[in-house]
N, C-alpha and C. Protein backbone atom coordinates (compact mmCIF):
# COMPACT_ATOMS: atom_id res chain seq x y z
N UNK A 1 0.85 -1.41 -0.13
CA UNK A 1 -0.16 0.22 0.33
C UNK A 1 1.05 1.20 0.05
N UNK A 2 0.82 2.03 -1.08
CA UNK A 2 1.23 3.50 -1.08
C UNK A 2 0.86 4.21 -0.13
N UNK A 3 1.72 5.09 0.64
CA UNK A 3 1.63 6.28 1.65
C UNK A 3 2.54 7.43 1.54
N UNK A 4 1.76 8.52 1.89
CA UNK A 4 2.78 9.60 2.19
C UNK A 4 4.00 9.52 2.96
N UNK A 5 5.00 10.20 3.03
CA UNK A 5 5.83 10.27 4.19
C UNK A 5 5.06 10.51 5.35
N UNK A 6 5.61 10.04 6.56
CA UNK A 6 5.27 10.49 7.82
C UNK A 6 5.68 11.97 8.31
N UNK A 7 5.20 12.80 9.06
CA UNK A 7 5.50 13.91 9.50
C UNK A 7 6.81 13.71 10.63
N UNK A 8 7.69 14.80 10.76
CA UNK A 8 8.62 14.64 11.63
C UNK A 8 8.28 14.23 12.96
N UNK A 9 9.29 13.69 13.60
CA UNK A 9 9.25 12.89 14.69
C UNK A 9 8.32 13.50 15.86
N UNK A 10 8.26 14.89 16.07
CA UNK A 10 7.57 15.31 17.47
C UNK A 10 6.41 15.97 16.97
N UNK A 11 6.05 15.64 15.47
CA UNK A 11 4.45 15.55 15.23
C UNK A 11 4.24 14.31 15.01
N UNK A 12 4.85 13.13 14.63
CA UNK A 12 4.40 11.87 14.28
C UNK A 12 4.37 11.41 15.60
N UNK A 13 4.86 11.60 16.75
CA UNK A 13 5.10 11.15 18.32
C UNK A 13 3.58 11.30 18.61
N UNK A 14 2.77 12.05 17.85
CA UNK A 14 1.62 12.66 18.80
C UNK A 14 0.26 12.08 17.50
N UNK A 15 0.73 11.21 16.69
CA UNK A 15 -0.29 10.65 15.60
C UNK A 15 -1.52 9.97 16.26
N UNK A 16 -2.72 10.27 15.47
CA UNK A 16 -3.84 9.79 16.23
C UNK A 16 -4.26 10.28 17.48
N UNK A 17 -4.08 11.48 17.81
CA UNK A 17 -4.14 12.12 19.33
C UNK A 17 -4.56 13.65 19.27
N UNK A 18 -5.33 14.27 20.02
CA UNK A 18 -5.56 15.35 19.73
C UNK A 18 -4.91 15.80 21.22
N UNK A 19 -4.29 17.18 21.30
CA UNK A 19 -3.58 17.75 22.46
C UNK A 19 -3.83 19.04 22.29
N UNK A 20 -3.68 19.94 23.50
CA UNK A 20 -3.96 21.38 23.81
C UNK A 20 -2.57 22.01 24.04
N UNK A 21 -1.45 21.34 23.99
CA UNK A 21 -0.04 21.74 23.92
C UNK A 21 0.74 21.23 22.95
N UNK A 22 1.60 22.26 22.29
CA UNK A 22 2.84 21.54 21.10
C UNK A 22 3.68 22.57 21.13
N UNK A 23 4.96 22.26 21.26
CA UNK A 23 6.27 22.79 21.11
C UNK A 23 5.97 24.02 22.26
N UNK A 24 6.32 25.01 21.84
CA UNK A 24 6.37 26.20 22.88
C UNK A 24 4.97 26.83 23.00
N UNK A 25 4.18 26.17 22.43
CA UNK A 25 2.73 26.70 22.70
C UNK A 25 1.93 25.88 24.19
N UNK A 26 2.08 26.43 24.94
CA UNK A 26 1.80 25.96 26.48
C UNK A 26 0.77 26.51 27.31
N UNK A 27 0.19 27.44 26.40
CA UNK A 27 -0.90 28.40 27.28
C UNK A 27 -1.92 29.19 26.43
N UNK A 28 -1.92 28.84 24.93
CA UNK A 28 -3.24 29.03 24.26
C UNK A 28 -4.43 28.42 24.22
N UNK A 29 -4.11 27.13 24.61
CA UNK A 29 -5.38 26.09 24.60
C UNK A 29 -5.59 25.47 23.20
N UNK A 30 -4.89 26.03 22.40
CA UNK A 30 -5.20 25.48 20.87
C UNK A 30 -5.48 24.15 20.93
N UNK A 31 -6.71 23.73 20.01
CA UNK A 31 -6.33 22.33 19.92
C UNK A 31 -5.44 21.83 18.41
N UNK A 32 -4.89 20.85 18.88
CA UNK A 32 -3.77 20.02 17.88
C UNK A 32 -4.33 18.54 17.57
N UNK A 33 -4.72 18.62 16.56
CA UNK A 33 -5.25 17.25 16.08
C UNK A 33 -4.55 16.51 15.19
N UNK A 34 -3.89 15.31 15.36
CA UNK A 34 -2.72 14.67 14.48
C UNK A 34 -3.26 13.66 14.04
N UNK A 35 -3.38 13.48 12.60
CA UNK A 35 -3.78 11.82 11.88
C UNK A 35 -2.88 11.18 12.01
N UNK A 36 -3.15 9.88 11.28
CA UNK A 36 -2.29 8.74 11.56
C UNK A 36 -0.67 8.82 11.05
N UNK A 37 -0.50 9.76 10.34
CA UNK A 37 0.55 10.35 9.52
C UNK A 37 1.72 11.21 10.46
N UNK A 38 0.85 11.85 11.31
CA UNK A 38 1.33 12.81 12.30
C UNK A 38 1.42 14.31 11.90
N UNK A 39 0.50 14.08 10.54
CA UNK A 39 0.20 15.93 10.11
C UNK A 39 -1.11 16.23 10.94
N UNK A 40 -1.06 17.70 11.05
CA UNK A 40 -1.88 18.28 12.00
C UNK A 40 -3.33 18.25 11.08
N UNK A 41 -4.22 17.54 11.01
CA UNK A 41 -5.29 17.31 10.25
C UNK A 41 -6.15 16.85 11.11
N UNK A 42 -7.76 17.19 10.89
CA UNK A 42 -8.77 16.43 11.22
C UNK A 42 -9.18 15.16 10.29
N UNK A 43 -8.65 14.99 9.06
CA UNK A 43 -8.81 13.86 8.29
C UNK A 43 -7.61 13.22 7.92
N UNK A 44 -7.78 11.79 7.57
CA UNK A 44 -6.56 11.32 6.94
C UNK A 44 -6.44 11.62 5.67
N UNK A 45 -5.06 11.33 5.04
CA UNK A 45 -4.80 11.75 3.66
C UNK A 45 -4.64 10.50 2.87
N UNK A 46 -5.51 10.42 1.92
CA UNK A 46 -5.36 8.76 1.01
C UNK A 46 -4.72 9.56 -0.45
N UNK A 47 -4.53 8.40 -1.25
CA UNK A 47 -3.69 8.81 -2.34
C UNK A 47 -4.76 9.10 -3.64
N UNK A 48 -5.70 10.27 -3.52
CA UNK A 48 -6.54 10.64 -4.25
C UNK A 48 -6.10 12.16 -4.77
N UNK A 49 -6.39 12.18 -6.19
CA UNK A 49 -5.69 13.42 -6.97
C UNK A 49 -6.60 14.87 -6.72
N UNK A 50 -8.00 14.71 -6.26
CA UNK A 50 -8.40 15.77 -6.45
C UNK A 50 -8.45 16.57 -4.87
N UNK A 51 -7.07 16.90 -4.55
CA UNK A 51 -6.89 17.47 -3.39
C UNK A 51 -6.25 19.11 -3.53
N UNK A 52 -5.96 19.90 -2.49
CA UNK A 52 -4.90 20.74 -2.16
C UNK A 52 -4.18 20.43 -1.41
N UNK A 53 -2.68 20.67 -1.68
CA UNK A 53 -1.63 20.12 -0.90
C UNK A 53 -0.81 21.32 -0.41
N UNK A 54 -0.55 21.55 0.77
CA UNK A 54 -0.08 22.61 1.35
C UNK A 54 1.20 22.24 1.85
N UNK A 55 2.38 22.69 1.45
CA UNK A 55 3.44 22.67 2.50
C UNK A 55 4.04 24.06 3.01
N UNK A 56 4.69 23.74 3.90
CA UNK A 56 5.40 25.06 5.08
C UNK A 56 5.90 24.82 6.25
N UNK A 57 6.17 25.56 6.82
CA UNK A 57 6.82 25.84 8.21
C UNK A 57 5.65 25.95 9.20
N UNK A 58 6.18 26.45 10.37
CA UNK A 58 5.36 26.63 11.60
C UNK A 58 4.29 27.51 11.32
N UNK A 59 4.50 28.58 10.50
CA UNK A 59 3.62 29.66 10.25
C UNK A 59 2.03 28.92 9.44
N UNK A 60 2.58 27.91 8.65
CA UNK A 60 1.52 27.32 7.84
C UNK A 60 0.71 26.01 8.80
N UNK A 61 1.62 25.79 9.53
CA UNK A 61 1.32 24.82 10.44
C UNK A 61 0.18 25.56 11.27
N UNK A 62 0.33 26.59 11.57
CA UNK A 62 -0.79 27.30 12.75
C UNK A 62 -0.70 27.23 13.93
N UNK A 63 0.66 27.37 14.31
CA UNK A 63 1.18 27.30 15.65
C UNK A 63 0.29 28.63 16.62
N UNK A 64 -0.23 28.01 17.69
CA UNK A 64 -1.04 28.93 18.49
C UNK A 64 -2.57 29.32 17.90
N UNK A 65 -2.72 28.59 16.95
CA UNK A 65 -4.41 28.61 16.50
C UNK A 65 -5.02 27.42 16.38
N UNK A 66 -6.31 27.19 16.59
CA UNK A 66 -7.21 25.93 16.34
C UNK A 66 -7.07 25.80 15.02
N UNK A 67 -7.12 24.58 14.51
CA UNK A 67 -6.92 24.31 13.14
C UNK A 67 -7.86 24.95 12.10
N UNK A 68 -9.06 25.40 12.49
CA UNK A 68 -10.10 25.74 11.58
C UNK A 68 -9.92 27.46 11.41
N UNK A 69 -8.83 27.82 12.14
CA UNK A 69 -8.57 29.24 12.33
C UNK A 69 -7.29 29.41 11.41
N UNK A 70 -6.71 28.48 10.77
CA UNK A 70 -5.57 28.40 10.04
C UNK A 70 -6.12 28.93 8.78
N UNK A 71 -5.18 29.09 7.85
CA UNK A 71 -5.43 29.35 6.29
C UNK A 71 -5.75 27.92 5.89
N UNK A 72 -5.13 27.10 6.25
CA UNK A 72 -5.33 25.72 5.40
C UNK A 72 -6.83 25.41 5.96
N UNK A 73 -6.93 25.17 7.36
CA UNK A 73 -8.52 25.26 7.87
C UNK A 73 -9.68 26.05 7.05
N UNK A 74 -9.13 27.29 7.04
CA UNK A 74 -10.19 28.28 6.29
C UNK A 74 -10.59 27.58 4.80
N UNK A 75 -9.45 27.07 4.05
CA UNK A 75 -9.74 26.74 2.83
C UNK A 75 -10.17 25.52 2.73
N UNK A 76 -10.38 24.68 3.81
CA UNK A 76 -10.91 23.14 3.62
C UNK A 76 -12.50 23.46 3.84
N UNK A 77 -12.99 24.64 4.78
CA UNK A 77 -14.30 24.90 4.73
C UNK A 77 -14.81 26.02 3.53
N UNK A 78 -13.87 26.09 2.62
CA UNK A 78 -14.47 26.92 1.58
C UNK A 78 -14.49 26.56 0.08
N UNK A 79 -13.57 25.22 0.09
CA UNK A 79 -13.36 24.61 -1.33
C UNK A 79 -14.11 23.24 -1.23
N UNK A 80 -14.55 22.91 -2.57
CA UNK A 80 -14.90 21.29 -2.53
C UNK A 80 -13.75 20.34 -2.16
N UNK A 81 -12.61 20.39 -2.76
CA UNK A 81 -11.49 19.63 -2.80
C UNK A 81 -11.15 19.48 -1.06
N UNK A 82 -10.73 18.01 -0.92
CA UNK A 82 -10.15 18.00 0.39
C UNK A 82 -8.72 18.85 0.61
N UNK A 83 -8.48 19.22 1.37
CA UNK A 83 -7.24 20.17 2.01
C UNK A 83 -6.10 19.60 2.72
N UNK A 84 -5.06 19.27 2.13
CA UNK A 84 -4.29 18.40 2.94
C UNK A 84 -3.00 19.09 3.60
N UNK A 85 -2.68 19.52 5.11
CA UNK A 85 -1.76 20.20 5.03
C UNK A 85 -0.59 19.42 5.31
N UNK A 86 0.44 19.52 4.82
CA UNK A 86 1.68 18.83 5.19
C UNK A 86 2.76 19.78 5.80
N UNK A 87 2.45 20.76 6.28
CA UNK A 87 3.29 21.78 7.21
C UNK A 87 3.98 21.20 8.37
N UNK A 88 4.92 21.51 8.41
CA UNK A 88 5.79 20.98 9.63
C UNK A 88 6.23 22.18 10.58
N UNK A 89 5.47 21.52 11.92
CA UNK A 89 5.55 22.78 13.02
C UNK A 89 6.86 22.44 13.76
N UNK A 90 7.49 23.70 13.98
CA UNK A 90 8.75 23.77 14.90
C UNK A 90 9.79 22.60 14.44
N UNK A 91 10.08 22.65 13.46
CA UNK A 91 10.99 21.57 12.77
C UNK A 91 12.60 22.20 12.92
N UNK A 92 12.60 23.20 12.26
CA UNK A 92 13.92 23.79 12.07
C UNK A 92 14.32 23.37 10.66
N UNK A 93 13.62 23.03 9.55
CA UNK A 93 14.15 22.54 8.38
C UNK A 93 14.39 23.71 7.15
N UNK A 94 15.16 23.14 6.14
CA UNK A 94 15.28 24.26 5.30
C UNK A 94 14.50 23.88 3.61
N UNK A 95 14.45 24.69 2.89
CA UNK A 95 13.56 24.23 1.84
C UNK A 95 13.84 23.14 0.94
N UNK A 96 15.01 22.63 0.90
CA UNK A 96 15.24 21.53 0.31
C UNK A 96 14.52 20.53 0.96
N UNK A 97 14.28 20.38 2.33
CA UNK A 97 13.56 19.64 2.87
C UNK A 97 12.10 19.58 2.34
N UNK A 98 11.40 20.62 2.39
CA UNK A 98 10.28 20.61 1.77
C UNK A 98 9.99 19.99 0.32
N UNK A 99 11.07 20.61 -0.29
CA UNK A 99 11.13 20.04 -1.79
C UNK A 99 10.84 18.62 -1.91
N UNK A 100 11.93 17.98 -1.49
CA UNK A 100 11.52 16.30 -1.03
C UNK A 100 10.68 15.67 -0.54
N UNK A 101 9.89 16.35 0.26
CA UNK A 101 8.52 15.85 0.60
C UNK A 101 7.71 16.22 -0.47
N UNK A 102 7.88 17.28 -1.19
CA UNK A 102 6.90 17.48 -2.50
C UNK A 102 7.06 16.55 -3.74
N UNK A 103 8.18 16.27 -3.92
CA UNK A 103 8.59 15.21 -4.69
C UNK A 103 7.83 13.94 -4.28
N UNK A 104 7.77 13.47 -2.87
CA UNK A 104 7.24 12.36 -2.56
C UNK A 104 5.68 12.49 -2.95
N UNK A 105 5.39 13.12 -2.62
CA UNK A 105 3.70 13.65 -2.79
C UNK A 105 3.34 13.34 -4.15
N UNK A 106 3.92 14.12 -4.88
CA UNK A 106 3.64 14.26 -6.44
C UNK A 106 3.90 12.84 -7.37
N UNK A 107 4.74 11.76 -6.34
CA UNK A 107 5.02 10.49 -6.76
C UNK A 107 3.78 9.75 -6.68
N UNK A 108 2.80 10.18 -5.79
CA UNK A 108 1.69 9.32 -5.56
C UNK A 108 0.64 10.21 -6.05
N UNK A 109 0.51 11.26 -6.15
CA UNK A 109 -0.80 11.78 -6.35
C UNK A 109 -0.50 13.15 -7.41
N UNK A 110 -1.56 13.57 -8.17
CA UNK A 110 -1.70 14.92 -8.86
C UNK A 110 -2.45 15.90 -8.52
N UNK A 111 -2.15 16.68 -7.42
CA UNK A 111 -3.03 17.37 -6.86
C UNK A 111 -3.65 18.46 -7.92
N UNK A 112 -4.89 18.88 -7.08
CA UNK A 112 -5.66 19.98 -8.01
C UNK A 112 -4.82 21.42 -7.77
N UNK A 113 -4.22 21.27 -6.79
CA UNK A 113 -3.41 22.55 -6.51
C UNK A 113 -2.50 22.29 -5.38
N UNK A 114 -1.11 22.59 -5.62
CA UNK A 114 -0.09 22.79 -4.69
C UNK A 114 -0.04 24.47 -4.18
N UNK A 115 0.00 24.44 -2.74
CA UNK A 115 0.20 25.80 -2.13
C UNK A 115 1.56 25.45 -1.59
N UNK A 116 2.85 26.14 -1.78
CA UNK A 116 4.17 25.85 -1.36
C UNK A 116 4.47 27.38 -0.72
N UNK A 117 4.61 26.92 0.68
CA UNK A 117 5.37 28.14 1.38
C UNK A 117 6.84 28.15 1.34
N UNK A 118 7.54 29.14 0.89
CA UNK A 118 9.08 29.03 0.60
C UNK A 118 9.49 29.25 2.39
N UNK A 119 10.40 28.58 2.73
CA UNK A 119 10.82 28.70 4.13
C UNK A 119 11.85 29.95 4.17
N UNK A 120 12.23 30.31 5.40
CA UNK A 120 13.48 31.26 5.43
C UNK A 120 14.64 30.81 4.81
N UNK A 121 15.01 31.64 3.99
CA UNK A 121 16.28 31.48 3.30
C UNK A 121 17.61 31.24 4.19
N UNK A 122 17.77 31.83 5.12
CA UNK A 122 18.91 31.77 5.96
C UNK A 122 19.12 30.38 6.68
N UNK A 123 18.88 29.26 5.78
CA UNK A 123 18.72 27.87 6.57
C UNK A 123 19.90 26.95 5.37
N UNK A 124 20.77 26.24 6.05
CA UNK A 124 21.41 25.54 5.05
C UNK A 124 21.84 24.08 5.67
N UNK A 125 21.39 22.94 5.32
CA UNK A 125 21.47 21.52 5.83
C UNK A 125 22.94 21.20 5.56
N UNK A 126 23.64 20.89 6.54
CA UNK A 126 24.95 19.97 6.55
C UNK A 126 24.80 18.82 7.50
N UNK A 127 24.60 17.63 7.00
CA UNK A 127 24.16 16.34 7.29
C UNK A 127 22.77 16.27 8.14
N UNK A 128 22.87 16.02 9.49
CA UNK A 128 21.85 16.14 10.15
C UNK A 128 21.21 17.32 10.69
N UNK A 129 22.21 18.17 10.60
CA UNK A 129 22.13 19.72 11.22
C UNK A 129 21.40 20.93 10.21
N UNK A 130 21.17 21.83 10.74
CA UNK A 130 20.45 23.06 9.97
C UNK A 130 21.45 24.09 10.55
N UNK A 131 22.13 25.04 9.42
CA UNK A 131 22.57 25.83 9.99
C UNK A 131 21.89 27.14 9.69
N UNK A 132 22.02 28.36 10.61
CA UNK A 132 21.17 29.36 10.63
C UNK A 132 22.62 30.33 10.55
N UNK A 133 23.52 30.20 10.41
CA UNK A 133 24.81 31.41 10.12
C UNK A 133 25.49 31.02 8.91
N UNK A 134 24.89 31.79 7.66
CA UNK A 134 25.54 31.64 6.69
C UNK A 134 25.75 32.91 5.84
N UNK A 135 26.70 32.74 4.96
CA UNK A 135 27.05 33.98 4.33
C UNK A 135 25.99 34.42 3.13
N UNK A 136 25.89 35.83 2.98
CA UNK A 136 25.12 36.31 1.84
C UNK A 136 25.29 35.60 0.41
N UNK A 137 26.37 35.20 0.07
CA UNK A 137 26.92 34.61 -1.12
C UNK A 137 26.24 32.72 -0.98
N UNK A 138 26.26 32.25 0.07
CA UNK A 138 25.68 31.01 0.25
C UNK A 138 24.35 30.96 0.21
N UNK A 139 23.57 31.87 0.87
CA UNK A 139 22.13 31.79 0.99
C UNK A 139 21.75 32.31 -0.51
N UNK A 140 22.25 32.81 -1.27
CA UNK A 140 21.64 33.30 -2.74
C UNK A 140 21.81 32.22 -3.43
N UNK A 141 23.29 31.38 -3.43
CA UNK A 141 23.72 30.34 -4.19
C UNK A 141 22.67 28.98 -3.96
N UNK A 142 22.16 28.96 -2.57
CA UNK A 142 21.53 28.03 -2.32
C UNK A 142 20.18 27.97 -2.61
N UNK A 143 19.55 29.33 -2.38
CA UNK A 143 18.18 29.66 -3.05
C UNK A 143 17.88 29.51 -4.39
N UNK A 144 18.80 29.86 -5.41
CA UNK A 144 18.76 29.80 -6.73
C UNK A 144 18.83 28.30 -7.18
N UNK A 145 19.75 27.38 -6.32
CA UNK A 145 19.61 26.04 -6.54
C UNK A 145 18.19 25.47 -6.40
N UNK A 146 17.49 25.75 -5.12
CA UNK A 146 16.41 25.43 -4.75
C UNK A 146 15.22 25.59 -5.59
N UNK A 147 15.63 27.22 -6.04
CA UNK A 147 14.27 27.30 -6.58
C UNK A 147 14.26 27.13 -7.82
N UNK A 148 15.21 26.77 -8.69
CA UNK A 148 15.51 26.43 -10.17
C UNK A 148 14.68 24.92 -10.01
N UNK A 149 14.98 24.10 -9.14
CA UNK A 149 14.47 22.60 -9.22
C UNK A 149 13.04 22.74 -8.69
N UNK A 150 12.67 23.86 -7.88
CA UNK A 150 11.16 23.68 -7.39
C UNK A 150 10.12 24.34 -8.67
N UNK A 151 10.99 24.97 -9.27
CA UNK A 151 9.96 25.41 -10.67
C UNK A 151 9.83 24.43 -11.52
N UNK A 152 10.96 23.52 -11.63
CA UNK A 152 11.21 22.41 -12.62
C UNK A 152 9.96 21.31 -11.95
N UNK A 153 9.96 20.90 -10.76
CA UNK A 153 9.01 20.04 -10.01
C UNK A 153 7.45 20.42 -10.29
N UNK A 154 7.34 21.63 -10.00
CA UNK A 154 6.06 22.12 -10.22
C UNK A 154 5.55 22.47 -11.47
N UNK A 155 6.50 22.54 -12.68
CA UNK A 155 6.15 22.66 -14.12
C UNK A 155 4.68 22.62 -14.58
N UNK A 156 4.39 21.30 -14.78
CA UNK A 156 2.96 20.84 -15.01
C UNK A 156 2.00 20.94 -13.94
N UNK A 157 2.23 21.15 -12.93
CA UNK A 157 1.25 21.26 -11.63
C UNK A 157 0.78 22.69 -11.04
N UNK A 158 -0.66 22.69 -11.10
CA UNK A 158 -1.27 23.82 -10.88
C UNK A 158 -0.63 24.37 -9.28
N UNK A 159 0.10 25.60 -9.00
CA UNK A 159 0.30 25.78 -7.92
C UNK A 159 0.63 27.47 -7.69
N UNK A 160 0.74 27.73 -6.17
CA UNK A 160 0.79 29.14 -5.71
C UNK A 160 2.02 29.03 -4.95
N UNK A 161 2.87 30.24 -4.77
CA UNK A 161 4.05 30.13 -3.93
C UNK A 161 3.55 31.26 -3.00
N UNK A 162 3.91 30.90 -1.74
CA UNK A 162 3.90 31.97 -0.54
C UNK A 162 5.19 32.07 -0.11
N UNK A 163 5.47 33.17 0.80
CA UNK A 163 6.79 33.70 1.37
C UNK A 163 6.87 34.87 2.31
N UNK A 164 6.99 34.60 3.39
CA UNK A 164 7.09 35.56 4.65
C UNK A 164 8.08 35.60 5.25
N UNK A 165 9.15 36.57 5.72
CA UNK A 165 10.05 36.79 6.35
C UNK A 165 10.64 38.09 6.32
N UNK A 166 11.33 38.56 7.56
CA UNK A 166 12.11 39.69 7.62
C UNK A 166 12.92 39.98 6.67
N UNK A 167 13.91 38.68 6.45
CA UNK A 167 14.76 38.92 5.82
C UNK A 167 14.70 38.54 4.38
N UNK A 168 14.66 39.49 3.32
CA UNK A 168 14.45 38.63 1.87
C UNK A 168 16.09 38.89 1.21
N UNK A 169 17.06 38.93 1.52
CA UNK A 169 18.39 38.87 0.94
C UNK A 169 18.44 39.09 -0.41
N UNK A 170 17.59 40.14 -0.74
CA UNK A 170 17.61 40.75 -1.94
C UNK A 170 17.37 39.82 -3.43
N UNK A 171 16.24 38.80 -2.76
CA UNK A 171 15.86 37.86 -3.73
C UNK A 171 14.66 38.19 -4.39
N UNK A 172 14.30 38.34 -5.49
CA UNK A 172 12.88 38.54 -6.13
C UNK A 172 11.76 37.49 -6.12
N UNK A 173 10.92 38.08 -5.15
CA UNK A 173 9.61 36.98 -4.85
C UNK A 173 8.43 37.57 -5.33
N UNK A 174 8.34 38.17 -6.58
CA UNK A 174 7.36 38.34 -7.64
C UNK A 174 6.50 37.39 -7.73
N UNK A 175 7.01 36.32 -8.13
CA UNK A 175 6.31 34.93 -8.35
C UNK A 175 5.36 34.43 -7.36
N UNK A 176 5.66 35.05 -6.17
CA UNK A 176 4.82 34.55 -4.92
C UNK A 176 3.73 35.45 -4.81
N UNK A 177 2.51 34.86 -4.26
CA UNK A 177 1.23 35.92 -4.31
C UNK A 177 1.09 36.54 -2.87
N UNK A 178 1.96 35.96 -1.97
CA UNK A 178 2.26 36.81 -0.76
C UNK A 178 3.69 36.53 -0.58
N UNK A 179 4.30 37.97 -0.28
CA UNK A 179 5.56 38.02 -0.24
C UNK A 179 6.26 39.16 0.60
N UNK A 180 5.73 39.37 1.70
CA UNK A 180 5.66 39.90 2.86
C UNK A 180 5.41 39.38 4.07
N UNK A 181 5.54 39.55 5.22
CA UNK A 181 5.56 38.99 6.39
C UNK A 181 3.84 38.76 6.62
N UNK A 182 3.10 39.68 6.05
CA UNK A 182 1.84 39.77 6.39
C UNK A 182 1.01 39.27 7.84
N UNK A 183 1.90 39.89 8.67
CA UNK A 183 1.13 39.89 10.10
C UNK A 183 0.18 41.25 10.36
N UNK A 184 -0.77 40.48 10.52
CA UNK A 184 -2.07 41.99 10.70
C UNK A 184 -2.17 41.63 12.16
N UNK A 185 -1.94 40.45 12.99
CA UNK A 185 -1.99 40.28 14.24
C UNK A 185 -1.12 38.98 14.60
N UNK A 186 -1.23 38.77 15.75
CA UNK A 186 0.08 37.65 16.28
C UNK A 186 -0.55 37.00 17.35
N UNK A 187 0.27 35.80 17.58
CA UNK A 187 0.19 34.90 18.37
C UNK A 187 1.71 35.04 19.14
N UNK A 188 1.76 35.45 20.58
CA UNK A 188 3.22 35.77 20.95
C UNK A 188 3.65 34.31 21.75
N UNK A 189 4.81 33.99 21.61
CA UNK A 189 5.61 32.90 22.19
C UNK A 189 6.92 33.52 22.86
N UNK A 190 7.36 32.82 23.97
CA UNK A 190 8.95 32.72 24.23
C UNK A 190 9.67 31.61 24.01
N UNK A 191 10.75 31.49 23.05
CA UNK A 191 11.32 30.11 23.00
C UNK A 191 12.77 30.55 23.29
N UNK A 192 13.29 29.84 24.08
CA UNK A 192 14.67 29.80 24.66
C UNK A 192 15.01 31.39 25.11
N UNK A 193 14.03 31.92 25.55
CA UNK A 193 13.86 33.29 26.07
C UNK A 193 13.75 34.57 25.38
N UNK A 194 13.67 34.14 23.88
CA UNK A 194 13.44 35.01 23.00
C UNK A 194 11.85 35.46 22.41
N UNK A 195 11.55 36.45 22.47
CA UNK A 195 10.25 36.97 21.93
C UNK A 195 10.07 36.18 20.53
N UNK A 196 9.08 35.30 20.30
CA UNK A 196 8.86 34.85 18.87
C UNK A 196 7.32 34.82 18.82
N UNK A 197 6.90 36.16 17.95
CA UNK A 197 5.43 36.35 17.52
C UNK A 197 5.14 35.39 16.21
N UNK A 198 4.09 34.93 16.33
CA UNK A 198 3.80 34.15 14.70
C UNK A 198 2.52 34.69 14.07
N UNK A 199 2.02 34.30 13.12
CA UNK A 199 0.77 34.90 12.57
C UNK A 199 -0.59 34.48 13.45
N UNK A 200 -1.42 35.42 13.48
CA UNK A 200 -2.91 35.09 14.50
C UNK A 200 -3.91 35.01 13.54
N UNK A 201 -5.03 34.78 13.76
CA UNK A 201 -6.00 34.09 13.04
C UNK A 201 -6.37 35.34 12.21
N UNK A 202 -6.11 36.58 11.97
CA UNK A 202 -6.64 37.86 11.17
C UNK A 202 -5.76 37.49 10.17
N UNK A 203 -4.37 37.07 10.29
CA UNK A 203 -3.35 37.06 9.29
C UNK A 203 -3.82 35.98 8.28
N UNK A 204 -4.14 35.09 8.93
CA UNK A 204 -4.42 33.58 8.35
C UNK A 204 -5.51 33.77 7.12
N UNK A 205 -6.39 34.46 7.95
CA UNK A 205 -7.73 35.12 7.06
C UNK A 205 -7.56 35.75 5.85
N UNK A 206 -6.73 36.52 6.05
CA UNK A 206 -5.97 37.34 4.90
C UNK A 206 -5.72 36.63 3.70
N UNK A 207 -4.62 35.73 4.54
CA UNK A 207 -4.05 34.76 3.45
C UNK A 207 -4.90 33.93 2.51
N UNK A 208 -5.75 33.42 3.68
CA UNK A 208 -6.68 32.55 2.76
C UNK A 208 -7.62 33.18 1.51
N UNK A 209 -8.25 34.66 2.14
CA UNK A 209 -8.87 35.49 1.03
C UNK A 209 -7.82 35.40 0.01
N UNK A 210 -6.54 36.00 0.00
CA UNK A 210 -5.59 36.13 -0.99
C UNK A 210 -5.78 34.69 -1.81
N UNK A 211 -5.36 33.68 -1.19
CA UNK A 211 -5.68 32.52 -2.15
C UNK A 211 -6.78 32.17 -2.86
N UNK A 212 -8.07 32.37 -2.16
CA UNK A 212 -9.19 32.07 -2.97
C UNK A 212 -9.50 33.14 -3.98
N UNK A 213 -8.85 34.05 -3.76
CA UNK A 213 -9.02 35.33 -5.11
C UNK A 213 -8.02 34.81 -6.24
N UNK A 214 -7.10 34.22 -5.67
CA UNK A 214 -6.16 33.98 -7.31
C UNK A 214 -6.74 32.60 -7.72
N UNK A 215 -7.40 31.62 -6.97
CA UNK A 215 -7.75 30.03 -7.45
C UNK A 215 -9.30 30.45 -8.23
N UNK A 216 -9.75 31.25 -7.96
CA UNK A 216 -11.50 31.74 -8.49
C UNK A 216 -11.43 32.90 -9.75
């Protein structure tokens, strides 16, 4: 039986469970339901083609929000197709990790639409570790390699690209329908003593509206 790759360990460890704390969210009381593959979803993912597949990081995962308040949850209520949110929460991955996941997904199904959130650019995998301290030259070089391959992989698949980060590194994100931070509100956390705001429900609602406008 063919199946999608399982989610990262910290998510997969919670498979088939509903919890009200995840990672550094220990106080909002948000509901986190994980399916049998460990992805944040109220539904199971099967290998049908008429789906919207979403890939992204913690912001797309929706840390600090109930699932129906995330832009993936809003889309699932507004679209006739199932919405599969493959986003990884608090994983610290880099763009090529998400690209490999995308390849695995497209080897099994042909989605109606892929929504791919480009991750922070200042991340470079070295073996099992991801470096967050990289030169501007390396950042641009790695992004160009990744982006060229991403466009090749998505060449015949309907898709939308998103990106939000404070650091753009001089990269042209005009292909993205969202390419600024898009924070009109936030959920606030402290991680390792550092203030870490993430997008609130108003921001997710705005992103969902932007996506719906594009696909209609």
